[in-house]
Amino acid sequence: MQNINYLFFEAKLRAFYILFSFIITLVISCFYYIEMIYLIGRPFLELQHKFIFIDLTEAFYTILNICVVFTFFFIIPYVVYQLWVFFIPSFYTFERKKINLFLLVFLFLMIGQVHLIYFKLLPTICEFLLSFEIASTWNSPNNGTCQSSVPGSFSPKYQAASDTMFETSLLVIELTARIKSYVKLIIRIFCFLILLFQIPVFFFLLFQWKLIDVHELCKNRKVFFFIALLLSALITPPDLVSQLTITCILIAVYEIVILMGFFIDLKIAQKISRFVLVKKQT
């Protein structure tokens, strides 16, 4: 009974550490909110665009949302460390080595994913979305000449103005982005890509611990395809192309997970056969 009380006390203490670090990190992030806004808006600002807000409280709540998101991101290593300290005493030495190796690989994969998404994918997505801007002009058949109001006279200083006077905007579609909508879109894309890259790691652990069978995944392909359609409809805008794109990505990840499961089962079967062979020889 005393050990259980001590366990609950340590769990409360670790939870208090995480909550206190979250509050401190959030306060510090609020002091550096300009840098936070630049970091999240950098892929868009480098394309020579600016943000606007049309509601009186929109900028305040958007800044608060950005600070909260960065706070969650910053304390992830600390949360992982607290969980590691809490659970690691219950494992054997060889299990601790595997967990430490997995956490190290997870850390490097997370850093690589953030670098890939932030510096490669997000600028590409912004450039693609901004490529739909349209600026079409129509030139007047007067060839840029302008007649003076006084008969027989012409003022040269109006020549440059006349060159642009007869260029008429035929169709102009340009973006003036709201900071609120941009932040929501970027956070949604970033979180989706992070979770998408973590799916193989999650299933790798399930396969290693024998919590899931790869043959069951093969049998339930149709169910997953239906779930992928529903999930893509929930997380994407009401656009058929976007929904089909996300659905295809999820299906591709699912097939990769199945291939990884067969590979892991093959490796485990080889280890078992080697162990049985060694036992027979001895």
C-alpha atoms as a PDB file:
ATOM      1  CA  MET A   1       0.000   0.000   0.000  1.00  0.00           C
ATOM      2  CA  GLN A   2       2.873   2.341   0.779  1.00  0.00           C
ATOM      3  CA  ASN A   3       4.403   1.705  -2.637  1.00  0.00           C
ATOM      4  CA  ILE A   4       1.114   2.566  -4.341  1.00  0.00           C
ATOM      5  CA  ASN A   5       0.860   5.814  -2.393  1.00  0.00           C
ATOM      6  CA  TYR A   6       4.416   6.674  -3.338  1.00  0.00           C
ATOM      7  CA  LEU A   7       3.622   5.887  -6.991  1.00  0.00           C
ATOM      8  CA  PHE A   8       0.620   8.218  -6.984  1.00  0.00           C
ATOM      9  CA  PHE A   9       2.639  10.916  -5.247  1.00  0.00           C
ATOM     10  CA  GLU A  10       5.373  10.714  -7.875  1.00  0.00           C
ATOM     11  CA  ALA A  11       2.787  10.792 -10.690  1.00  0.00           C
ATOM     12  CA  LYS A  12       1.241  13.954  -9.206  1.00  0.00           C
ATOM     13  CA  LEU A  13       4.691  15.472  -8.807  1.00  0.00           C
ATOM     14  CA  ARG A  14       5.601  14.760 -12.461  1.00  0.00           C
ATOM     15  CA  ALA A  15       2.263  16.187 -13.594  1.00  0.00           C
ATOM     16  CA  PHE A  16       2.927  19.333 -11.537  1.00  0.00           C
ATOM     17  CA  TYR A  17       6.362  19.697 -13.150  1.00  0.00           C
ATOM     18  CA  ILE A  18       4.817  19.439 -16.621  1.00  0.00           C
ATOM     19  CA  LEU A  19       2.059  21.948 -15.801  1.00  0.00           C
ATOM     20  CA  PHE A  20       4.515  24.401 -14.237  1.00  0.00           C
ATOM     21  CA  SER A  21       6.874  24.157 -17.226  1.00  0.00           C
ATOM     22  CA  PHE A  22       3.930  24.705 -19.574  1.00  0.00           C
ATOM     23  CA  ILE A  23       2.907  27.896 -17.767  1.00  0.00           C
ATOM     24  CA  ILE A  24       6.462  29.258 -17.642  1.00  0.00           C
ATOM     25  CA  THR A  25       7.047  28.461 -21.321  1.00  0.00           C
ATOM     26  CA  LEU A  26       3.740  30.099 -22.269  1.00  0.00           C
ATOM     27  CA  VAL A  27       4.624  33.285 -20.392  1.00  0.00           C
ATOM     28  CA  ILE A  28       8.052  33.444 -22.044  1.00  0.00           C
ATOM     29  CA  SER A  29       6.471  32.831 -25.466  1.00  0.00           C
ATOM     30  CA  CYS A  30       4.080  35.743 -24.916  1.00  0.00           C
ATOM     31  CA  PHE A  31       7.045  38.065 -24.373  1.00  0.00           C
ATOM     32  CA  TYR A  32       8.506  36.994 -27.730  1.00  0.00           C
ATOM     33  CA  TYR A  33       5.259  36.871 -29.697  1.00  0.00           C
ATOM     34  CA  ILE A  34       6.690  38.913 -32.595  1.00  0.00           C
ATOM     35  CA  GLU A  35       9.382  36.296 -33.177  1.00  0.00           C
ATOM     36  CA  MET A  36       6.737  33.564 -32.900  1.00  0.00           C
ATOM     37  CA  ILE A  37       4.556  35.232 -35.527  1.00  0.00           C
ATOM     38  CA  TYR A  38       7.540  35.591 -37.844  1.00  0.00           C
ATOM     39  CA  LEU A  39       8.503  31.947 -37.416  1.00  0.00           C
ATOM     40  CA  ILE A  40       5.037  30.689 -38.273  1.00  0.00           C
ATOM     41  CA  GLY A  41       4.529  33.245 -41.064  1.00  0.00           C
ATOM     42  CA  ARG A  42       7.984  33.019 -42.624  1.00  0.00           C
ATOM     43  CA  PRO A  43       6.987  30.712 -45.547  1.00  0.00           C
ATOM     44  CA  PHE A  44       4.299  33.248 -46.506  1.00  0.00           C
ATOM     45  CA  LEU A  45       6.123  36.498 -45.728  1.00  0.00           C
ATOM     46  CA  GLU A  46       9.103  35.567 -47.901  1.00  0.00           C
ATOM     47  CA  LEU A  47       6.752  35.623 -50.897  1.00  0.00           C
ATOM     48  CA  GLN A  48       6.263  39.399 -50.442  1.00  0.00           C
ATOM     49  CA  HIS A  49       2.801  39.205 -48.891  1.00  0.00           C
ATOM     50  CA  LYS A  50       1.337  40.606 -45.705  1.00  0.00           C
ATOM     51  CA  PHE A  51      -1.360  39.725 -43.191  1.00  0.00           C
ATOM     52  CA  ILE A  52      -4.486  41.572 -42.102  1.00  0.00           C
ATOM     53  CA  PHE A  53      -7.085  41.143 -39.377  1.00  0.00           C
ATOM     54  CA  ILE A  54     -10.664  42.338 -39.692  1.00  0.00           C
ATOM     55  CA  ASP A  55     -11.958  41.703 -36.178  1.00  0.00           C
ATOM     56  CA  LEU A  56     -11.042  43.750 -33.134  1.00  0.00           C
ATOM     57  CA  THR A  57      -9.991  40.737 -31.042  1.00  0.00           C
ATOM     58  CA  GLU A  58      -8.703  38.598 -33.919  1.00  0.00           C
ATOM     59  CA  ALA A  59      -5.052  39.597 -33.564  1.00  0.00           C
ATOM     60  CA  PHE A  60      -5.036  39.026 -29.794  1.00  0.00           C
ATOM     61  CA  TYR A  61      -6.557  35.539 -29.942  1.00  0.00           C
ATOM     62  CA  THR A  62      -4.372  34.592 -32.891  1.00  0.00           C
ATOM     63  CA  ILE A  63      -1.208  35.607 -31.034  1.00  0.00           C
ATOM     64  CA  LEU A  64      -2.384  33.664 -27.991  1.00  0.00           C
ATOM     65  CA  ASN A  65      -3.076  30.640 -30.165  1.00  0.00           C
ATOM     66  CA  ILE A  66       0.404  30.840 -31.705  1.00  0.00           C
ATOM     67  CA  CYS A  67       2.032  31.049 -28.270  1.00  0.00           C
ATOM     68  CA  VAL A  68       0.068  28.038 -27.016  1.00  0.00           C
ATOM     69  CA  VAL A  69       1.035  25.974 -30.067  1.00  0.00           C
ATOM     70  CA  PHE A  70       4.720  26.831 -29.702  1.00  0.00           C
ATOM     71  CA  THR A  71       4.516  26.068 -25.990  1.00  0.00           C
ATOM     72  CA  PHE A  72       3.148  22.583 -26.680  1.00  0.00           C
ATOM     73  CA  PHE A  73       5.899  22.042 -29.213  1.00  0.00           C
ATOM     74  CA  PHE A  74       8.674  23.263 -26.904  1.00  0.00           C
ATOM     75  CA  ILE A  75       7.690  21.103 -23.911  1.00  0.00           C
ATOM     76  CA  ILE A  76       7.390  17.835 -25.866  1.00  0.00           C
ATOM     77  CA  PRO A  77      11.000  16.801 -25.026  1.00  0.00           C
ATOM     78  CA  TYR A  78      10.424  17.660 -21.365  1.00  0.00           C
ATOM     79  CA  VAL A  79       7.185  15.635 -21.256  1.00  0.00           C
ATOM     80  CA  VAL A  80       8.946  12.674 -22.857  1.00  0.00           C
ATOM     81  CA  TYR A  81      11.723  12.984 -20.276  1.00  0.00           C
ATOM     82  CA  GLN A  82       9.250  13.014 -17.364  1.00  0.00           C
ATOM     83  CA  LEU A  83       7.460   9.947 -18.728  1.00  0.00           C
ATOM     84  CA  TRP A  84      10.802   8.219 -19.206  1.00  0.00           C
ATOM     85  CA  VAL A  85      11.871   8.944 -15.612  1.00  0.00           C
ATOM     86  CA  PHE A  86       8.521   7.717 -14.284  1.00  0.00           C
ATOM     87  CA  PHE A  87       8.307   4.420 -16.204  1.00  0.00           C
ATOM     88  CA  ILE A  88      11.941   3.411 -16.719  1.00  0.00           C
ATOM     89  CA  PRO A  89      12.462   1.830 -13.242  1.00  0.00           C
ATOM     90  CA  SER A  90       9.878  -0.864 -14.065  1.00  0.00           C
ATOM     91  CA  PHE A  91      11.860  -2.225 -17.051  1.00  0.00           C
ATOM     92  CA  TYR A  92      14.752  -4.640 -17.234  1.00  0.00           C
ATOM     93  CA  THR A  93      18.193  -3.561 -18.388  1.00  0.00           C
ATOM     94  CA  PHE A  94      17.848  -4.917 -21.930  1.00  0.00           C
ATOM     95  CA  GLU A  95      14.416  -3.275 -22.204  1.00  0.00           C
ATOM     96  CA  ARG A  96      15.873   0.047 -21.074  1.00  0.00           C
ATOM     97  CA  LYS A  97      18.467  -0.124 -23.834  1.00  0.00           C
ATOM     98  CA  LYS A  98      15.746  -0.660 -26.438  1.00  0.00           C
ATOM     99  CA  ILE A  99      13.637   2.182 -25.056  1.00  0.00           C
ATOM    100  CA  ASN A 100      16.597   4.551 -24.961  1.00  0.00           C
ATOM    101  CA  LEU A 101      17.492   3.668 -28.542  1.00  0.00           C
ATOM    102  CA  PHE A 102      13.897   4.170 -29.651  1.00  0.00           C
ATOM    103  CA  LEU A 103      13.661   7.572 -27.912  1.00  0.00           C
ATOM    104  CA  LEU A 104      16.931   8.667 -29.512  1.00  0.00           C
ATOM    105  CA  VAL A 105      15.706   7.636 -32.966  1.00  0.00           C
ATOM    106  CA  PHE A 106      12.354   9.306 -32.274  1.00  0.00           C
ATOM    107  CA  LEU A 107      14.114  12.563 -31.331  1.00  0.00           C
ATOM    108  CA  PHE A 108      16.226  12.652 -34.479  1.00  0.00           C
ATOM    109  CA  LEU A 109      13.230  11.729 -36.641  1.00  0.00           C
ATOM    110  CA  MET A 110      11.195  14.529 -35.075  1.00  0.00           C
ATOM    111  CA  ILE A 111      13.954  17.072 -35.753  1.00  0.00           C
ATOM    112  CA  GLY A 112      14.254  15.846 -39.340  1.00  0.00           C
ATOM    113  CA  GLN A 113      10.497  15.983 -39.858  1.00  0.00           C
ATOM    114  CA  VAL A 114      10.247  19.535 -38.539  1.00  0.00           C
ATOM    115  CA  HIS A 115      13.128  20.623 -40.774  1.00  0.00           C
ATOM    116  CA  LEU A 116      11.576  18.956 -43.829  1.00  0.00           C
ATOM    117  CA  ILE A 117       8.089  20.346 -43.214  1.00  0.00           C
ATOM    118  CA  TYR A 118       9.124  23.867 -42.246  1.00  0.00           C
ATOM    119  CA  PHE A 119      11.864  24.535 -44.800  1.00  0.00           C
ATOM    120  CA  LYS A 120      10.664  22.405 -47.723  1.00  0.00           C
ATOM    121  CA  LEU A 121       6.995  21.458 -47.679  1.00  0.00           C
ATOM    122  CA  LEU A 122       5.390  24.620 -46.246  1.00  0.00           C
ATOM    123  CA  PRO A 123       7.127  27.027 -48.693  1.00  0.00           C
ATOM    124  CA  THR A 124       6.164  24.721 -51.557  1.00  0.00           C
ATOM    125  CA  ILE A 125       2.540  24.625 -50.385  1.00  0.00           C
ATOM    126  CA  CYS A 126       2.429  28.429 -50.052  1.00  0.00           C
ATOM    127  CA  GLU A 127       3.921  28.913 -53.516  1.00  0.00           C
ATOM    128  CA  PHE A 128       1.418  26.481 -54.988  1.00  0.00           C
ATOM    129  CA  LEU A 129      -1.567  28.184 -53.368  1.00  0.00           C
ATOM    130  CA  LEU A 130      -0.352  31.653 -54.360  1.00  0.00           C
ATOM    131  CA  SER A 131       0.156  30.532 -57.952  1.00  0.00           C
ATOM    132  CA  PHE A 132      -3.606  30.893 -58.427  1.00  0.00           C
ATOM    133  CA  GLU A 133      -3.329  34.671 -58.236  1.00  0.00           C
ATOM    134  CA  ILE A 134      -4.299  36.316 -61.536  1.00  0.00           C
ATOM    135  CA  ALA A 135      -3.215  39.737 -62.820  1.00  0.00           C
ATOM    136  CA  SER A 136      -4.289  40.227 -66.432  1.00  0.00           C
ATOM    137  CA  THR A 137      -4.069  43.641 -68.176  1.00  0.00           C
ATOM    138  CA  TRP A 138      -5.358  44.912 -71.522  1.00  0.00           C
ATOM    139  CA  ASN A 139      -3.518  47.528 -73.563  1.00  0.00           C
ATOM    140  CA  SER A 140      -5.437  50.281 -75.350  1.00  0.00           C
ATOM    141  CA  PRO A 141      -5.161  50.362 -79.187  1.00  0.00           C
ATOM    142  CA  ASN A 142      -3.997  54.009 -78.924  1.00  0.00           C
ATOM    143  CA  ASN A 143      -0.431  52.652 -78.388  1.00  0.00           C
ATOM    144  CA  GLY A 144       0.141  54.771 -75.334  1.00  0.00           C
ATOM    145  CA  THR A 145      -0.419  58.176 -76.973  1.00  0.00           C
ATOM    146  CA  CYS A 146      -2.310  60.861 -75.188  1.00  0.00           C
ATOM    147  CA  GLN A 147      -3.847  63.913 -76.776  1.00  0.00           C
ATOM    148  CA  SER A 148      -3.583  67.256 -75.008  1.00  0.00           C
ATOM    149  CA  SER A 149      -6.649  69.242 -74.198  1.00  0.00           C
ATOM    150  CA  VAL A 150      -5.212  72.237 -76.120  1.00  0.00           C
ATOM    151  CA  PRO A 151      -5.469  71.813 -79.920  1.00  0.00           C
ATOM    152  CA  GLY A 152      -2.117  71.490 -81.661  1.00  0.00           C
ATOM    153  CA  SER A 153      -0.073  71.173 -78.462  1.00  0.00           C
ATOM    154  CA  PHE A 154       1.289  68.181 -76.556  1.00  0.00           C
ATOM    155  CA  SER A 155       2.962  68.107 -73.162  1.00  0.00           C
ATOM    156  CA  PRO A 156       5.913  65.655 -72.978  1.00  0.00           C
ATOM    157  CA  LYS A 157       5.664  65.382 -69.223  1.00  0.00           C
ATOM    158  CA  TYR A 158       2.388  63.503 -69.658  1.00  0.00           C
ATOM    159  CA  GLN A 159       3.978  60.911 -71.934  1.00  0.00           C
ATOM    160  CA  ALA A 160       4.949  58.511 -69.098  1.00  0.00           C
ATOM    161  CA  ALA A 161       1.527  58.851 -67.519  1.00  0.00           C
ATOM    162  CA  SER A 162      -0.177  58.179 -70.825  1.00  0.00           C
ATOM    163  CA  ASP A 163       1.783  54.924 -71.208  1.00  0.00           C
ATOM    164  CA  THR A 164       0.018  53.482 -68.178  1.00  0.00           C
ATOM    165  CA  MET A 165      -3.240  55.343 -68.546  1.00  0.00           C
ATOM    166  CA  PHE A 166      -4.442  53.090 -71.318  1.00  0.00           C
ATOM    167  CA  GLU A 167      -3.444  49.795 -69.628  1.00  0.00           C
ATOM    168  CA  THR A 168      -6.747  48.485 -68.309  1.00  0.00           C
ATOM    169  CA  SER A 169      -6.969  45.701 -65.726  1.00  0.00           C
ATOM    170  CA  LEU A 170      -8.899  42.944 -67.405  1.00  0.00           C
ATOM    171  CA  LEU A 171      -8.944  40.484 -64.456  1.00  0.00           C
ATOM    172  CA  VAL A 172      -7.186  40.737 -61.091  1.00  0.00           C
ATOM    173  CA  ILE A 173      -7.405  38.040 -58.377  1.00  0.00           C
ATOM    174  CA  GLU A 174      -4.933  38.618 -55.555  1.00  0.00           C
ATOM    175  CA  LEU A 175      -4.667  37.401 -52.000  1.00  0.00           C
ATOM    176  CA  THR A 176      -4.940  39.473 -48.859  1.00  0.00           C
ATOM    177  CA  ALA A 177      -4.560  36.824 -46.172  1.00  0.00           C
ATOM    178  CA  ARG A 178      -6.139  36.985 -42.735  1.00  0.00           C
ATOM    179  CA  ILE A 179      -3.692  36.095 -39.999  1.00  0.00           C
ATOM    180  CA  LYS A 180      -6.306  33.915 -38.303  1.00  0.00           C
ATOM    181  CA  SER A 181      -7.064  31.753 -41.339  1.00  0.00           C
ATOM    182  CA  TYR A 182      -3.374  31.427 -42.230  1.00  0.00           C
ATOM    183  CA  VAL A 183      -2.398  30.284 -38.732  1.00  0.00           C
ATOM    184  CA  LYS A 184      -5.219  27.726 -38.644  1.00  0.00           C
ATOM    185  CA  LEU A 185      -4.209  26.355 -42.035  1.00  0.00           C
ATOM    186  CA  ILE A 186      -0.500  26.123 -41.197  1.00  0.00           C
ATOM    187  CA  ILE A 187      -1.126  24.493 -37.809  1.00  0.00           C
ATOM    188  CA  ARG A 188      -3.504  21.996 -39.392  1.00  0.00           C
ATOM    189  CA  ILE A 189      -1.037  21.099 -42.149  1.00  0.00           C
ATOM    190  CA  PHE A 190       1.906  20.915 -39.747  1.00  0.00           C
ATOM    191  CA  CYS A 191       0.125  18.697 -37.214  1.00  0.00           C
ATOM    192  CA  PHE A 192      -1.257  16.433 -39.931  1.00  0.00           C
ATOM    193  CA  LEU A 193       2.167  15.904 -41.493  1.00  0.00           C
ATOM    194  CA  ILE A 194       3.817  15.299 -38.097  1.00  0.00           C
ATOM    195  CA  LEU A 195       1.213  12.683 -37.173  1.00  0.00           C
ATOM    196  CA  LEU A 196       1.413  11.158 -40.629  1.00  0.00           C
ATOM    197  CA  PHE A 197       5.163  10.637 -40.297  1.00  0.00           C
ATOM    198  CA  GLN A 198       4.715   9.088 -36.839  1.00  0.00           C
ATOM    199  CA  ILE A 199       2.258   6.403 -37.991  1.00  0.00           C
ATOM    200  CA  PRO A 200       5.001   3.967 -39.175  1.00  0.00           C
ATOM    201  CA  VAL A 201       6.865   4.429 -35.876  1.00  0.00           C
ATOM    202  CA  PHE A 202       3.688   3.721 -33.909  1.00  0.00           C
ATOM    203  CA  PHE A 203       2.916   0.558 -35.867  1.00  0.00           C
ATOM    204  CA  PHE A 204       6.540  -0.539 -35.601  1.00  0.00           C
ATOM    205  CA  LEU A 205       6.132  -0.626 -31.813  1.00  0.00           C
ATOM    206  CA  LEU A 206       2.846  -2.510 -32.126  1.00  0.00           C
ATOM    207  CA  PHE A 207       4.474  -5.108 -34.368  1.00  0.00           C
ATOM    208  CA  GLN A 208       7.449  -5.468 -32.049  1.00  0.00           C
ATOM    209  CA  TRP A 209       5.243  -5.982 -28.988  1.00  0.00           C
ATOM    210  CA  LYS A 210       2.919  -8.379 -30.869  1.00  0.00           C
ATOM    211  CA  LEU A 211      -0.105  -6.185 -30.134  1.00  0.00           C
ATOM    212  CA  ILE A 212      -1.328  -6.279 -33.722  1.00  0.00           C
ATOM    213  CA  ASP A 213      -1.193  -8.817 -36.523  1.00  0.00           C
ATOM    214  CA  VAL A 214      -0.271  -7.798 -40.046  1.00  0.00           C
ATOM    215  CA  HIS A 215      -2.711 -10.348 -41.488  1.00  0.00           C
ATOM    216  CA  GLU A 216      -5.579  -8.587 -39.715  1.00  0.00           C
ATOM    217  CA  LEU A 217      -4.519  -5.337 -41.353  1.00  0.00           C
ATOM    218  CA  CYS A 218      -4.659  -7.024 -44.745  1.00  0.00           C
ATOM    219  CA  LYS A 219      -8.157  -8.357 -44.069  1.00  0.00           C
ATOM    220  CA  ASN A 220      -9.445  -4.957 -42.927  1.00  0.00           C
ATOM    221  CA  ARG A 221      -8.265  -2.968 -45.943  1.00  0.00           C
ATOM    222  CA  LYS A 222     -11.799  -2.026 -46.984  1.00  0.00           C
ATOM    223  CA  VAL A 223     -12.642  -0.769 -43.512  1.00  0.00           C
ATOM    224  CA  PHE A 224      -9.533   1.396 -43.423  1.00  0.00           C
ATOM    225  CA  PHE A 225     -10.245   2.810 -46.885  1.00  0.00           C
ATOM    226  CA  PHE A 226     -13.678   3.889 -45.669  1.00  0.00           C
ATOM    227  CA  ILE A 227     -12.172   5.412 -42.518  1.00  0.00           C
ATOM    228  CA  ALA A 228      -9.586   7.237 -44.656  1.00  0.00           C
ATOM    229  CA  LEU A 229     -12.394   8.777 -46.735  1.00  0.00           C
ATOM    230  CA  LEU A 230     -14.217   9.958 -43.611  1.00  0.00           C
ATOM    231  CA  LEU A 231     -11.021  11.298 -42.045  1.00  0.00           C
ATOM    232  CA  SER A 232     -10.031  13.189 -45.190  1.00  0.00           C
ATOM    233  CA  ALA A 233     -13.504  14.751 -45.319  1.00  0.00           C
ATOM    234  CA  LEU A 234     -13.104  15.973 -41.726  1.00  0.00           C
ATOM    235  CA  ILE A 235      -9.592  17.415 -41.887  1.00  0.00           C
ATOM    236  CA  THR A 236      -9.620  18.958 -45.372  1.00  0.00           C
ATOM    237  CA  PRO A 237     -11.619  21.810 -46.915  1.00  0.00           C
ATOM    238  CA  PRO A 238     -14.777  20.888 -48.868  1.00  0.00           C
ATOM    239  CA  ASP A 239     -12.762  20.227 -51.993  1.00  0.00           C
ATOM    240  CA  LEU A 240     -12.843  16.924 -53.887  1.00  0.00           C
ATOM    241  CA  VAL A 241      -9.213  17.166 -55.027  1.00  0.00           C
ATOM    242  CA  SER A 242      -7.929  17.795 -51.486  1.00  0.00           C
ATOM    243  CA  GLN A 243      -9.995  14.971 -50.042  1.00  0.00           C
ATOM    244  CA  LEU A 244      -8.824  12.486 -52.690  1.00  0.00           C
ATOM    245  CA  THR A 245      -5.197  13.585 -52.189  1.00  0.00           C
ATOM    246  CA  ILE A 246      -5.330  13.035 -48.423  1.00  0.00           C
ATOM    247  CA  THR A 247      -7.127   9.728 -48.928  1.00  0.00           C
ATOM    248  CA  CYS A 248      -4.425   8.496 -51.316  1.00  0.00           C
ATOM    249  CA  ILE A 249      -1.700   9.546 -48.877  1.00  0.00           C
ATOM    250  CA  LEU A 250      -3.364   7.668 -46.002  1.00  0.00           C
ATOM    251  CA  ILE A 251      -3.819   4.569 -48.145  1.00  0.00           C
ATOM    252  CA  ALA A 252      -0.163   4.718 -49.210  1.00  0.00           C
ATOM    253  CA  VAL A 253       0.941   4.964 -45.562  1.00  0.00           C
ATOM    254  CA  TYR A 254      -1.315   2.019 -44.714  1.00  0.00           C
ATOM    255  CA  GLU A 255       0.282  -0.106 -47.423  1.00  0.00           C
ATOM    256  CA  ILE A 256       3.756   0.889 -46.195  1.00  0.00           C
ATOM    257  CA  VAL A 257       2.768  -0.206 -42.680  1.00  0.00           C
ATOM    258  CA  ILE A 258       1.603  -3.578 -44.014  1.00  0.00           C
ATOM    259  CA  LEU A 259       4.906  -4.095 -45.854  1.00  0.00           C
ATOM    260  CA  MET A 260       6.793  -3.133 -42.707  1.00  0.00           C
ATOM    261  CA  GLY A 261       4.738  -5.660 -40.712  1.00  0.00           C
ATOM    262  CA  PHE A 262       5.584  -8.480 -43.120  1.00  0.00           C
ATOM    263  CA  PHE A 263       9.269  -7.503 -42.967  1.00  0.00           C
ATOM    264  CA  ILE A 264       9.260  -7.543 -39.142  1.00  0.00           C
ATOM    265  CA  ASP A 265       7.474 -10.922 -39.066  1.00  0.00           C
ATOM    266  CA  LEU A 266      10.061 -12.284 -41.481  1.00  0.00           C
ATOM    267  CA  LYS A 267      12.922 -11.080 -39.284  1.00  0.00           C
ATOM    268  CA  ILE A 268      11.323 -12.554 -36.161  1.00  0.00           C
ATOM    269  CA  ALA A 269      10.736 -15.872 -37.936  1.00  0.00           C
ATOM    270  CA  GLN A 270      14.400 -15.959 -39.014  1.00  0.00           C
ATOM    271  CA  LYS A 271      15.555 -15.322 -35.439  1.00  0.00           C
ATOM    272  CA  ILE A 272      13.314 -18.105 -34.137  1.00  0.00           C
ATOM    273  CA  SER A 273      14.562 -20.550 -36.767  1.00  0.00           C
ATOM    274  CA  ARG A 274      18.181 -19.719 -35.930  1.00  0.00           C
ATOM    275  CA  PHE A 275      17.490 -20.184 -32.227  1.00  0.00           C
ATOM    276  CA  VAL A 276      15.821 -23.580 -32.855  1.00  0.00           C
ATOM    277  CA  LEU A 277      18.724 -24.631 -35.088  1.00  0.00           C
ATOM    278  CA  VAL A 278      21.271 -23.721 -32.420  1.00  0.00           C
ATOM    279  CA  LYS A 279      19.270 -25.643 -29.817  1.00  0.00           C
ATOM    280  CA  LYS A 280      19.217 -28.733 -32.020  1.00  0.00           C
ATOM    281  CA  GLN A 281      22.961 -28.558 -32.608  1.00  0.00           C
ATOM    282  CA  THR A 282      23.685 -28.288 -28.904  1.00  0.00           C
END
